[in-house]
Amino acid sequence: MPTSVVLFTADLRLHDHPPLRAALEGGHEVVPLFVRDSGIADPFRGAPNRLAFLDDCLRDLDAGLRRRGGRLVVRSGDVVEEVCKAVTEADADDVHMAADVSAYAHLRERRLRSALEAEGRRLHVHDTVTTAVAPGAVTPASSDHFAVFTPYYRQWSGRRLRDTLGAPRAVRVPAGVGSEELRSRSAAGVSPGLAEGGETLGRKRLAAWLRSGVAAYEDRHDDMAGDATSRLSPFLHFGTLSPVEVVHRVRRVGGPGAEAFVRQVAWRDFHRQVLAARTDAATADYRTKHDRWRSARTAREDVEAWRAGRTGYPVVDAAMRQLRHEGWMHNRARLLTASFLAKTLYVDWRIGARHFLDLLVDGDIANNQLNWQWVAGTGTDTRPNRVLNPLTQGKRHDPDGAYVRRWVPELADIEGGAVHEPWKLSGRDRSAAAGYPEPVVDLAEGLARFRRARGRE
């Protein structure tokens, strides 16, 4: 019986899975393999929240395979060595996997292809598994990637997506291929409000979002208290949902809300095509402004206050506390907290990006790092010196203060929009907010410092 290995990476699902479909063609037996890769010297992937969510995803994937007569094979070690061991044990001729964009993913693919070819085996790398449109599929005339989103989106929107694939009905795994036991979710260091992971829950959340959320998305996506976003990002990050399937299903709903949501999926692909072309953008300025950032040492107290959600600016603090509690943060909150650190406090964007990656369950090199660069003005933003004022942002996107009161208990008794400026309170209200800190910086002074640093004054 011909046998193939499917190496699962950030595509932990059975529905719409091109590598698995290709491996099963012709009635092949398949080794569904996941390797806990020791070669990833994490500065990016070892966060407890993502590891806990990963454990959920692997258990759910294994359960789905067992319902189809198969099982998930899990190994730990060097990914190339473990794939080659599985290939030998199963006497497999082919290995199938999804394409990825990071520098490490490129290295992994080269090493794996070389090792397999040396043994007379073949590696098949499939596009549009973790993206809707493959990096490099649409390019401008003068470059290998788009550096501005709007023209990219125009071409992306006109691109015909491949058809969605159904989940296999049966998966036969050869005997004699050993596996580690699946782990239970660890609680150590995990945010108390962390969501559960897996394809089953991801598909349920997508179905619910299509029924009752996406229609209002255009009008409500910035409503911080309303929690009106999809919360699908962790499932897309781990690949328990297919971006191709998500776009197809959202477009079938139609309307302005669907269009606005699909645009966000396009942003995800946009960042991947940037990182595929410029892998150093994970750590280096994409477009340097020659900033002389304050470091973790020189800005230690400000950085600690930002991380702890004690900057004295309620909407910033609410967002940072939501991040710590849930391992997730509203998108508008991500933008304004990043702007506050990088521009108002003038702290190196990499310090903020690292903190986000420590906690975010959807922490993703392409999206996280390039969104931080966009906010810091070193990335793809065509207005690199814009500064998001936290007072303006709070009053606009949390006008009644409900989001702040939810996450900042020191201000829970302050009614209405006054909660955004607690330093203006008096009397009983001032006493009620007594445990809340004073602002770490005057906004005008922070703006002036940033403008001087950028040569704007």
Protein backbone atom coordinates (compact mmCIF):
# COMPACT_ATOMS: atom_id res chain seq x y z
CA MET A 1 0.00 0.00 0.00
CA PRO A 2 1.56 3.38 -1.00
CA THR A 3 2.10 5.60 2.02
CA SER A 4 2.60 9.34 2.49
CA VAL A 5 3.40 11.49 5.49
CA VAL A 6 1.45 14.71 6.13
CA LEU A 7 3.42 17.11 8.30
CA PHE A 8 0.96 19.33 10.16
CA THR A 9 2.30 22.71 11.24
CA ALA A 10 -0.02 25.73 11.47
CA ASP A 11 -2.87 23.85 9.77
CA LEU A 12 -4.36 21.72 12.53
CA ARG A 13 -7.62 20.73 10.84
CA LEU A 14 -9.26 18.13 8.62
CA HIS A 15 -11.60 20.38 6.59
CA ASP A 16 -10.15 22.12 3.55
CA HIS A 17 -6.68 20.65 3.94
CA PRO A 18 -4.88 20.38 0.55
CA PRO A 19 -1.82 18.47 1.84
CA LEU A 20 -4.02 15.81 3.46
CA ARG A 21 -6.27 15.56 0.40
CA ALA A 22 -3.24 15.12 -1.90
CA ALA A 23 -1.71 12.48 0.38
CA LEU A 24 -4.92 10.45 0.44
CA GLU A 25 -5.37 10.39 -3.34
CA GLY A 26 -5.36 6.90 -4.77
CA GLY A 27 -6.30 5.31 -1.46
CA HIS A 28 -2.90 5.87 0.13
CA GLU A 29 -2.24 5.22 3.77
CA VAL A 30 -1.17 8.36 5.57
CA VAL A 31 0.89 9.22 8.62
CA PRO A 32 -0.61 12.43 10.05
CA LEU A 33 2.44 13.81 11.87
CA PHE A 34 2.97 16.75 14.20
CA VAL A 35 6.45 17.49 15.54
CA ARG A 36 7.07 19.56 18.64
CA ASP A 37 10.06 21.13 16.98
CA SER A 38 13.09 21.66 19.22
CA GLY A 39 14.68 23.68 16.43
CA ILE A 40 12.37 26.61 17.13
CA ALA A 41 14.50 28.58 19.54
CA ASP A 42 11.44 30.40 20.61
CA PRO A 43 11.53 33.91 20.84
CA PHE A 44 8.07 33.68 19.29
CA ARG A 45 6.22 30.44 19.98
CA GLY A 46 6.87 29.22 23.51
CA ALA A 47 4.26 31.30 25.30
CA PRO A 48 2.06 29.35 27.76
CA ASN A 49 -1.21 30.57 26.23
CA ARG A 50 -0.30 29.34 22.76
CA LEU A 51 1.08 26.07 24.09
CA ALA A 52 -2.17 25.43 25.98
CA PHE A 53 -4.26 26.27 22.92
CA LEU A 54 -1.99 24.04 20.82
CA ASP A 55 -2.63 21.11 23.17
CA ASP A 56 -6.38 21.64 22.70
CA CYS A 57 -5.93 21.68 18.92
CA LEU A 58 -3.84 18.51 18.83
CA ARG A 59 -6.30 16.58 20.98
CA ASP A 60 -9.20 17.70 18.79
CA LEU A 61 -7.30 16.82 15.60
CA ASP A 62 -6.53 13.37 16.98
CA ALA A 63 -10.19 12.86 17.91
CA GLY A 64 -11.27 13.83 14.39
CA LEU A 65 -8.77 11.42 12.85
CA ARG A 66 -9.88 8.59 15.16
CA ARG A 67 -13.50 9.10 14.09
CA ARG A 68 -12.23 8.40 10.58
CA GLY A 69 -10.21 5.33 11.52
CA GLY A 70 -6.88 7.09 11.94
CA ARG A 71 -4.84 8.81 14.63
CA LEU A 72 -2.38 11.65 15.05
CA VAL A 73 1.30 10.80 15.41
CA VAL A 74 3.12 13.25 17.69
CA ARG A 75 6.89 13.43 18.06
CA SER A 76 9.33 15.79 19.74
CA GLY A 77 12.77 16.76 18.48
CA ASP A 78 14.38 18.14 15.37
CA VAL A 79 11.64 18.33 12.74
CA VAL A 80 13.79 17.00 9.89
CA GLU A 81 15.06 14.06 11.92
CA GLU A 82 11.58 13.16 13.16
CA VAL A 83 10.00 13.38 9.70
CA CYS A 84 12.73 11.18 8.26
CA LYS A 85 12.22 8.64 11.06
CA ALA A 86 8.48 8.54 10.36
CA VAL A 87 9.14 8.17 6.63
CA THR A 88 11.43 5.21 7.30
CA GLU A 89 9.04 3.54 9.75
CA ALA A 90 6.13 3.85 7.31
CA ASP A 91 8.22 3.22 4.18
CA ALA A 92 6.69 6.38 2.74
CA ASP A 93 7.70 7.91 -0.57
CA ASP A 94 6.14 11.37 -0.18
CA VAL A 95 5.81 14.06 2.45
CA HIS A 96 3.15 16.77 2.14
CA MET A 97 3.07 20.04 4.11
CA ALA A 98 1.77 23.61 3.97
CA ALA A 99 3.91 26.52 2.79
CA ASP A 100 4.89 29.11 5.39
CA VAL A 101 6.62 32.49 5.28
CA SER A 102 9.01 32.99 8.20
CA ALA A 103 12.78 32.70 7.91
CA TYR A 104 12.66 29.56 10.04
CA ALA A 105 9.95 28.03 7.82
CA HIS A 106 12.07 28.64 4.73
CA LEU A 107 15.06 26.98 6.42
CA ARG A 108 12.92 24.03 7.58
CA GLU A 109 11.64 23.46 4.05
CA ARG A 110 15.17 23.54 2.53
CA ARG A 111 16.55 21.14 5.13
CA LEU A 112 13.64 18.77 4.82
CA ARG A 113 13.73 18.71 1.02
CA SER A 114 17.46 18.03 1.02
CA ALA A 115 17.19 15.22 3.56
CA LEU A 116 14.30 13.53 1.77
CA GLU A 117 15.83 13.79 -1.68
CA ALA A 118 19.02 12.21 -0.34
CA GLU A 119 16.88 9.17 0.52
CA GLY A 120 14.99 9.17 -2.77
CA ARG A 121 11.81 10.64 -1.24
CA ARG A 122 9.79 13.67 -2.33
CA LEU A 123 8.56 16.78 -0.52
CA HIS A 124 5.37 18.49 -1.70
CA VAL A 125 4.71 22.01 -0.35
CA HIS A 126 1.15 23.31 -0.78
CA ASP A 127 0.10 26.95 -1.04
CA THR A 128 -3.18 28.51 0.18
CA VAL A 129 -3.36 26.32 3.27
CA THR A 130 -2.61 29.07 5.80
CA THR A 131 -3.47 31.99 3.50
CA ALA A 132 -6.36 32.72 1.16
CA VAL A 133 -4.01 34.00 -1.55
CA ALA A 134 -0.43 32.72 -1.64
CA PRO A 135 2.43 35.16 -1.04
CA GLY A 136 3.79 36.17 -4.43
CA ALA A 137 0.59 35.27 -6.27
CA VAL A 138 -0.13 38.97 -6.74
CA THR A 139 2.75 41.41 -7.11
CA PRO A 140 3.29 44.95 -8.41
CA ALA A 141 5.16 45.43 -11.66
CA SER A 142 8.33 46.71 -10.03
CA SER A 143 8.74 44.54 -6.92
CA ASP A 144 8.43 41.05 -5.49
CA HIS A 145 5.79 42.20 -2.98
CA PHE A 146 3.36 44.98 -2.22
CA ALA A 147 4.51 47.54 0.34
CA VAL A 148 1.12 49.33 0.54
CA PHE A 149 -2.12 47.58 1.43
CA THR A 150 -4.68 49.34 -0.80
CA PRO A 151 -3.22 48.33 -4.19
CA TYR A 152 -2.53 44.87 -2.80
CA TYR A 153 -6.15 44.55 -1.72
CA ARG A 154 -7.42 45.54 -5.15
CA GLN A 155 -5.49 42.69 -6.76
CA TRP A 156 -6.19 40.29 -3.89
CA SER A 157 -9.93 40.92 -4.22
CA GLY A 158 -9.88 40.10 -7.92
CA ARG A 159 -8.06 36.82 -7.40
CA ARG A 160 -10.19 33.69 -7.77
CA LEU A 161 -9.80 31.51 -4.69
CA ARG A 162 -9.48 27.77 -5.02
CA ASP A 163 -12.51 25.67 -4.15
CA THR A 164 -12.97 24.49 -0.58
CA LEU A 165 -12.19 20.84 0.11
CA GLY A 166 -14.31 18.64 2.35
CA ALA A 167 -12.90 16.67 5.26
CA PRO A 168 -11.89 13.09 4.40
CA ARG A 169 -14.32 10.32 5.26
CA ALA A 170 -11.60 7.84 6.15
CA VAL A 171 -7.93 8.04 7.07
CA ARG A 172 -5.87 4.87 7.24
CA VAL A 173 -2.65 5.05 9.23
CA PRO A 174 -0.06 2.26 8.85
CA ALA A 175 0.75 0.15 11.89
CA GLY A 176 4.13 0.38 13.52
CA VAL A 177 4.53 4.16 13.56
CA GLY A 178 4.93 5.19 17.18
CA SER A 179 3.62 8.33 18.82
CA GLU A 180 3.99 10.22 22.06
CA GLU A 181 0.94 10.56 24.25
CA LEU A 182 -1.09 13.70 23.75
CA ARG A 183 -0.73 16.24 26.52
CA SER A 184 -3.49 17.73 28.61
CA ARG A 185 -3.64 21.49 28.67
CA SER A 186 -1.15 22.87 31.14
CA ALA A 187 -2.34 25.56 33.54
CA ALA A 188 1.11 26.93 34.36
CA GLY A 189 1.37 30.55 33.29
CA VAL A 190 -1.87 30.39 31.31
CA SER A 191 -4.23 33.36 31.30
CA PRO A 192 -7.30 32.51 33.43
CA GLY A 193 -9.75 33.55 30.74
CA LEU A 194 -8.03 31.78 27.83
CA ALA A 195 -10.44 30.34 25.28
CA GLU A 196 -10.38 26.66 24.34
CA GLY A 197 -8.94 25.62 21.00
CA GLY A 198 -9.50 23.04 18.28
CA GLU A 199 -11.18 22.69 14.91
CA THR A 200 -14.52 21.64 16.39
CA LEU A 201 -14.87 24.81 18.46
CA GLY A 202 -13.46 26.94 15.67
CA ARG A 203 -16.09 25.74 13.22
CA LYS A 204 -18.85 26.32 15.76
CA ARG A 205 -17.60 29.85 16.39
CA LEU A 206 -17.43 30.55 12.66
CA ALA A 207 -20.99 29.30 12.15
CA ALA A 208 -22.26 31.45 15.02
CA TRP A 209 -20.38 34.49 13.67
CA LEU A 210 -21.93 34.04 10.23
CA ARG A 211 -25.41 33.79 11.75
CA SER A 212 -25.32 36.72 14.12
CA GLY A 213 -22.12 38.75 13.95
CA VAL A 214 -20.74 39.46 10.52
CA ALA A 215 -23.72 41.49 9.26
CA ALA A 216 -23.01 44.24 11.81
CA TYR A 217 -19.22 44.02 11.58
CA GLU A 218 -18.65 47.17 9.54
CA ASP A 219 -20.59 49.29 12.04
CA ARG A 220 -19.46 47.61 15.26
CA HIS A 221 -15.93 46.26 14.79
CA ASP A 222 -14.40 49.16 16.75
CA ASP A 223 -16.95 48.95 19.60
CA MET A 224 -14.59 47.89 22.36
CA ALA A 225 -17.25 47.27 25.00
CA GLY A 226 -19.56 45.52 22.53
CA ASP A 227 -17.06 42.72 21.85
CA ALA A 228 -18.44 42.60 18.31
CA THR A 229 -15.45 41.07 16.52
CA SER A 230 -15.28 37.43 15.43
CA ARG A 231 -12.57 36.18 17.82
CA LEU A 232 -11.55 33.78 15.05
CA SER A 233 -7.91 34.90 15.06
CA PRO A 234 -6.57 32.09 17.31
CA PHE A 235 -8.25 29.49 15.12
CA LEU A 236 -6.76 31.04 11.99
CA HIS A 237 -3.35 31.26 13.66
CA PHE A 238 -3.28 27.54 14.45
CA GLY A 239 -4.99 26.66 11.19
CA THR A 240 -7.99 24.99 12.74
CA LEU A 241 -9.96 27.17 10.34
CA SER A 242 -9.04 27.59 6.68
CA PRO A 243 -8.79 31.21 5.49
CA VAL A 244 -9.99 30.08 2.06
CA GLU A 245 -13.12 28.53 3.55
CA VAL A 246 -13.69 31.52 5.83
CA VAL A 247 -13.59 33.96 2.90
CA HIS A 248 -15.91 31.81 0.78
CA ARG A 249 -18.47 31.46 3.57
CA VAL A 250 -18.35 35.12 4.59
CA ARG A 251 -18.77 36.25 0.99
CA ARG A 252 -21.85 34.06 0.68
CA VAL A 253 -23.42 36.06 3.52
CA GLY A 254 -22.66 39.26 1.62
CA GLY A 255 -23.22 42.87 2.56
CA PRO A 256 -21.00 45.65 3.95
CA GLY A 257 -20.17 43.69 7.11
CA ALA A 258 -18.92 40.73 5.10
CA GLU A 259 -16.85 42.98 2.86
CA ALA A 260 -15.26 44.67 5.87
CA PHE A 261 -14.42 41.32 7.45
CA VAL A 262 -12.91 39.89 4.26
CA ARG A 263 -10.72 42.99 4.13
CA GLN A 264 -9.27 41.97 7.50
CA VAL A 265 -8.43 38.51 6.14
CA ALA A 266 -6.67 40.30 3.27
CA TRP A 267 -4.59 42.28 5.79
CA ARG A 268 -3.47 38.94 7.22
CA ASP A 269 -2.35 37.78 3.76
CA PHE A 270 -0.76 41.18 3.09
CA HIS A 271 1.51 40.86 6.10
CA ARG A 272 2.49 37.35 5.07
CA GLN A 273 3.53 38.41 1.61
CA VAL A 274 5.63 41.19 3.14
CA LEU A 275 7.33 38.79 5.55
CA ALA A 276 7.86 36.18 2.82
CA ALA A 277 9.80 38.77 0.84
CA ARG A 278 11.47 40.46 3.80
CA THR A 279 11.96 37.84 6.50
CA ASP A 280 14.15 40.24 8.50
CA ALA A 281 11.07 42.41 9.12
CA ALA A 282 10.27 40.16 12.07
CA THR A 283 12.97 42.00 14.03
CA ALA A 284 14.34 44.84 11.88
CA ASP A 285 12.65 48.04 10.74
CA TYR A 286 10.94 47.53 7.41
CA ARG A 287 11.40 51.24 6.67
CA THR A 288 13.77 52.71 9.18
CA LYS A 289 13.24 56.19 10.56
CA HIS A 290 16.60 56.02 12.35
CA ASP A 291 14.82 56.20 15.68
CA ARG A 292 16.83 56.34 18.87
CA TRP A 293 14.20 54.53 20.89
CA ARG A 294 14.12 54.44 24.65
CA SER A 295 15.17 50.95 25.71
CA ALA A 296 13.78 48.55 28.31
CA ARG A 297 16.48 49.84 30.66
CA THR A 298 16.12 53.58 30.10
CA ALA A 299 12.31 53.42 30.11
CA ARG A 300 12.01 50.65 32.72
CA GLU A 301 9.29 52.25 34.88
CA ASP A 302 7.17 53.28 31.90
CA VAL A 303 7.45 49.82 30.32
CA GLU A 304 6.52 48.11 33.57
CA ALA A 305 3.49 50.39 33.99
CA TRP A 306 2.39 49.66 30.41
CA ARG A 307 2.74 45.91 30.83
CA ALA A 308 0.87 45.96 34.13
CA GLY A 309 -1.97 48.16 32.88
CA ARG A 310 -1.10 51.01 35.24
CA THR A 311 -0.24 53.89 32.91
CA GLY A 312 -2.94 56.18 34.28
CA TYR A 313 -4.76 56.16 30.94
CA PRO A 314 -7.84 53.99 31.52
CA VAL A 315 -8.45 52.66 28.01
CA VAL A 316 -4.78 51.65 27.67
CA ASP A 317 -4.84 49.97 31.06
CA ALA A 318 -8.11 48.18 30.36
CA ALA A 319 -6.68 46.74 27.16
CA MET A 320 -3.46 45.56 28.80
CA ARG A 321 -5.41 43.89 31.58
CA GLN A 322 -7.68 42.17 29.07
CA LEU A 323 -4.56 40.83 27.35
CA ARG A 324 -3.20 39.40 30.57
CA HIS A 325 -6.54 37.86 31.61
CA GLU A 326 -7.68 36.42 28.28
CA GLY A 327 -4.51 36.07 26.21
CA TRP A 328 -6.39 38.09 23.61
CA MET A 329 -7.11 41.74 22.96
CA HIS A 330 -9.60 43.68 20.85
CA ASN A 331 -8.01 44.88 17.59
CA ARG A 332 -8.67 48.56 18.27
CA ALA A 333 -7.09 48.07 21.69
CA ARG A 334 -3.99 46.56 20.08
CA LEU A 335 -3.56 49.63 17.91
CA LEU A 336 -3.97 52.20 20.66
CA THR A 337 -1.80 50.38 23.24
CA ALA A 338 0.95 49.94 20.67
CA SER A 339 0.79 53.59 19.65
CA PHE A 340 0.96 54.61 23.30
CA LEU A 341 4.13 52.60 23.91
CA ALA A 342 5.95 53.28 20.66
CA LYS A 343 5.00 56.90 20.08
CA THR A 344 3.69 58.52 23.28
CA LEU A 345 6.33 56.79 25.45
CA TYR A 346 8.80 56.49 22.55
CA VAL A 347 9.83 52.94 23.49
CA ASP A 348 11.28 50.51 20.96
CA TRP A 349 8.42 48.70 19.21
CA ARG A 350 10.23 45.35 19.61
CA ILE A 351 9.72 45.54 23.39
CA GLY A 352 5.97 45.81 22.93
CA ALA A 353 5.87 43.17 20.21
CA ARG A 354 7.74 40.76 22.48
CA HIS A 355 5.24 41.32 25.31
CA PHE A 356 2.32 40.73 22.99
CA LEU A 357 3.90 37.50 21.76
CA ASP A 358 4.43 36.38 25.35
CA LEU A 359 0.68 36.56 26.00
CA LEU A 360 -1.35 36.53 22.76
CA VAL A 361 -2.96 33.19 21.94
CA ASP A 362 -3.05 34.35 18.31
CA GLY A 363 0.52 35.67 18.50
CA ASP A 364 1.74 35.47 14.93
CA ILE A 365 5.12 36.62 13.64
CA ALA A 366 3.76 38.19 10.46
CA ASN A 367 0.69 39.88 11.90
CA ASN A 368 2.11 40.85 15.26
CA GLN A 369 5.48 42.16 14.15
CA LEU A 370 4.23 43.98 11.07
CA ASN A 371 1.25 45.50 12.86
CA TRP A 372 3.64 46.79 15.50
CA GLN A 373 5.83 48.23 12.76
CA TRP A 374 2.77 49.79 11.12
CA VAL A 375 1.86 51.53 14.39
CA ALA A 376 5.47 52.51 15.14
CA GLY A 377 5.79 54.13 11.73
CA THR A 378 8.62 51.84 10.62
CA GLY A 379 6.39 49.54 8.57
CA THR A 380 3.88 49.88 5.75
CA ASP A 381 1.76 52.77 7.05
CA THR A 382 1.63 55.59 4.50
CA ARG A 383 1.26 58.03 7.42
CA PRO A 384 4.14 56.87 9.62
CA ASN A 385 3.99 59.75 12.09
CA ARG A 386 0.33 59.47 13.08
CA VAL A 387 -0.21 59.16 16.83
CA LEU A 388 -3.34 57.64 18.38
CA ASN A 389 -4.41 59.76 21.34
CA PRO A 390 -5.74 57.42 24.06
CA LEU A 391 -8.29 59.94 25.31
CA THR A 392 -9.71 60.49 21.84
CA GLN A 393 -9.67 56.75 21.16
CA GLY A 394 -11.38 55.93 24.44
CA LYS A 395 -14.12 58.50 24.01
CA ARG A 396 -14.72 57.44 20.41
CA HIS A 397 -14.65 53.65 20.80
CA ASP A 398 -15.78 53.28 24.43
CA PRO A 399 -17.92 56.41 24.87
CA ASP A 400 -19.81 55.22 27.95
CA GLY A 401 -16.69 53.73 29.54
CA ALA A 402 -18.14 50.22 29.81
CA TYR A 403 -14.96 48.59 28.49
CA VAL A 404 -12.81 50.46 31.00
CA ARG A 405 -15.09 49.60 33.93
CA ARG A 406 -15.05 45.92 32.91
CA TRP A 407 -11.26 45.64 33.12
CA VAL A 408 -10.22 48.36 35.60
CA PRO A 409 -12.03 47.64 38.87
CA GLU A 410 -10.54 50.72 40.54
CA LEU A 411 -12.78 52.76 38.23
CA ALA A 412 -15.85 50.52 38.30
CA ASP A 413 -17.91 53.05 40.26
CA ILE A 414 -17.23 55.98 37.91
CA GLU A 415 -20.21 56.53 35.65
CA GLY A 416 -20.21 57.39 31.97
CA GLY A 417 -17.42 58.84 29.89
CA ALA A 418 -15.84 60.58 32.89
CA VAL A 419 -14.03 57.31 33.53
CA HIS A 420 -11.56 58.18 30.76
CA GLU A 421 -10.16 61.17 32.66
CA PRO A 422 -10.07 60.17 36.35
CA TRP A 423 -7.61 62.96 37.18
CA LYS A 424 -10.45 65.43 36.59
CA LEU A 425 -12.73 63.79 39.17
CA SER A 426 -13.55 65.45 42.45
CA GLY A 427 -15.26 64.67 45.70
CA ARG A 428 -16.79 61.21 46.10
CA ASP A 429 -15.81 60.11 42.58
CA ARG A 430 -12.19 61.08 43.23
CA SER A 431 -12.20 59.02 46.40
CA ALA A 432 -13.70 56.05 44.54
CA ALA A 433 -10.76 56.11 42.12
CA ALA A 434 -8.14 56.53 44.84
CA GLY A 435 -6.30 53.30 43.96
CA TYR A 436 -5.82 54.23 40.34
CA PRO A 437 -2.42 55.68 39.29
CA GLU A 438 -1.69 59.12 37.93
CA PRO A 439 -0.68 59.31 34.22
CA VAL A 440 2.90 58.23 33.54
CA VAL A 441 3.29 60.97 30.93
CA ASP A 442 1.56 64.13 29.83
CA LEU A 443 0.17 63.45 26.36
CA ALA A 444 1.35 66.78 24.96
CA GLU A 445 4.86 66.17 26.27
CA GLY A 446 4.90 62.66 24.85
CA LEU A 447 3.78 63.93 21.46
CA ALA A 448 6.39 66.67 21.47
CA ARG A 449 9.15 64.15 22.30
CA PHE A 450 8.06 61.91 19.43
CA ARG A 451 7.86 64.78 16.95
CA ARG A 452 11.34 65.98 17.93
CA ALA A 453 12.72 62.47 17.52
CA ARG A 454 11.21 62.21 14.04
CA GLY A 455 12.39 65.71 13.04
CA ARG A 456 8.82 66.98 12.79
CA GLU A 457 9.46 70.18 14.77
